[in-house]
Amino acid sequence: MPQQLEFYEVDVPIHTNDRAQRGVHVFTGRASSVDEALARAHQVYDAAFAARQAGLEVPGQQDGGWGARGVRDGWELDWAAAKASPWSNPDSWTRKKPYEL
């Protein structure tokens, strides 16, 4: 029986070399576990970064919907602090929404 793949979000803290600017790089795609999601996000980032360093076009979306866009020189990703979890669509009709009066 094939493994069930869920849609995951991986949030990786980023900062500039001088740590003056901070943010989060968000990756999304299908995976069978948190560990696989973290690994896939790291793989697509590494491929995108290597392509950029070589002067090539950043690869597009890969298997499972994973991809990395917005790779910037000078940004450092803190993979040790990365967090992954199943993605929850904020616009899903199954999520509770506050009633508007």
Protein backbone atom coordinates (compact mmCIF):
# COMPACT_ATOMS: atom_id res chain seq x y z
CA MET A 1 0.00 0.00 0.00
CA PRO A 2 1.49 3.41 -0.97
CA GLN A 3 2.21 5.91 1.79
CA GLN A 4 -0.35 8.64 2.30
CA LEU A 5 1.15 12.03 1.50
CA GLU A 6 -0.05 15.14 3.29
CA PHE A 7 0.60 18.75 2.43
CA TYR A 8 3.21 20.25 4.79
CA GLU A 9 4.54 23.71 5.56
CA VAL A 10 8.18 24.18 6.56
CA ASP A 11 9.10 27.51 8.17
CA VAL A 12 12.83 28.31 8.24
CA PRO A 13 14.07 31.41 10.09
CA ILE A 14 16.30 33.63 7.96
CA HIS A 15 18.62 36.54 8.68
CA THR A 16 21.16 38.59 6.78
CA ASN A 17 24.88 38.15 7.25
CA ASP A 18 24.97 41.07 9.68
CA ARG A 19 21.78 39.76 11.38
CA ALA A 20 20.15 43.17 10.84
CA GLN A 21 17.18 41.73 8.97
CA ARG A 22 15.14 38.70 9.95
CA GLY A 23 12.25 36.76 8.52
CA VAL A 24 10.96 33.31 7.65
CA HIS A 25 11.29 31.40 4.40
CA VAL A 26 8.22 29.20 3.88
CA PHE A 27 8.28 25.99 1.85
CA THR A 28 5.23 23.83 1.08
CA GLY A 29 4.74 20.46 -0.52
CA ARG A 30 3.63 16.87 -0.06
CA ALA A 31 5.42 14.49 2.31
CA SER A 32 4.70 11.44 4.43
CA SER A 33 6.11 12.92 7.66
CA VAL A 34 7.58 15.99 9.32
CA ASP A 35 11.08 14.58 8.82
CA GLU A 36 10.49 14.03 5.10
CA ALA A 37 9.03 17.55 4.76
CA LEU A 38 12.12 19.08 6.38
CA ALA A 39 14.41 17.01 4.15
CA ARG A 40 12.53 17.91 0.95
CA ALA A 41 12.52 21.62 1.81
CA HIS A 42 16.25 21.53 2.47
CA GLN A 43 16.88 19.62 -0.78
CA VAL A 44 14.99 22.08 -2.97
CA TYR A 45 16.64 25.04 -1.27
CA ASP A 46 20.10 23.53 -1.75
CA ALA A 47 19.35 22.89 -5.44
CA ALA A 48 18.05 26.43 -5.93
CA PHE A 49 21.01 27.97 -4.12
CA ALA A 50 23.52 25.89 -6.14
CA ALA A 51 21.82 26.88 -9.41
CA ARG A 52 21.90 30.56 -8.46
CA GLN A 53 25.59 30.36 -7.47
CA ALA A 54 26.35 28.75 -10.85
CA GLY A 55 24.48 31.49 -12.72
CA LEU A 56 21.70 29.11 -13.76
CA GLU A 57 17.95 29.49 -13.53
CA VAL A 58 16.49 28.37 -10.21
CA PRO A 59 14.70 25.01 -10.70
CA GLY A 60 10.93 25.16 -10.70
CA GLN A 61 8.49 23.08 -8.77
CA GLN A 62 9.63 19.51 -8.16
CA ASP A 63 7.88 16.27 -7.23
CA GLY A 64 5.32 16.73 -4.49
CA GLY A 65 4.99 20.44 -5.20
CA TRP A 66 8.26 21.38 -3.47
CA GLY A 67 10.23 24.30 -4.84
CA ALA A 68 12.30 27.28 -3.76
CA ARG A 69 11.81 30.76 -5.12
CA GLY A 70 13.12 34.02 -3.79
CA VAL A 71 16.65 32.77 -3.08
CA ARG A 72 18.64 35.86 -2.12
CA ASP A 73 22.34 36.49 -1.75
CA GLY A 74 23.25 37.38 1.83
CA TRP A 75 20.35 35.52 3.44
CA GLU A 76 21.25 32.73 5.86
CA LEU A 77 18.67 30.03 6.60
CA ASP A 78 18.70 28.54 10.10
CA TRP A 79 17.83 24.93 9.30
CA ALA A 80 18.44 23.84 12.91
CA ALA A 81 15.50 26.05 13.94
CA ALA A 82 13.21 24.99 11.06
CA LYS A 83 9.72 23.82 11.98
CA ALA A 84 7.44 21.60 9.90
CA SER A 85 3.80 20.72 10.36
CA PRO A 86 0.84 19.63 8.29
CA TRP A 87 -0.41 22.65 6.37
CA SER A 88 -3.76 24.12 7.32
CA ASN A 89 -5.42 26.19 4.62
CA PRO A 90 -6.56 29.45 6.24
CA ASP A 91 -9.31 29.75 3.60
CA SER A 92 -10.68 26.24 4.03
CA TRP A 93 -14.42 26.01 4.60
CA THR A 94 -13.69 23.41 7.32
CA ARG A 95 -11.87 25.93 9.54
CA LYS A 96 -13.88 27.83 12.11
CA LYS A 97 -14.19 31.48 11.25
CA PRO A 98 -15.37 34.25 13.52
CA TYR A 99 -18.82 35.51 12.70
CA GLU A 100 -19.01 39.00 11.34
CA LEU A 101 -21.83 41.22 12.53
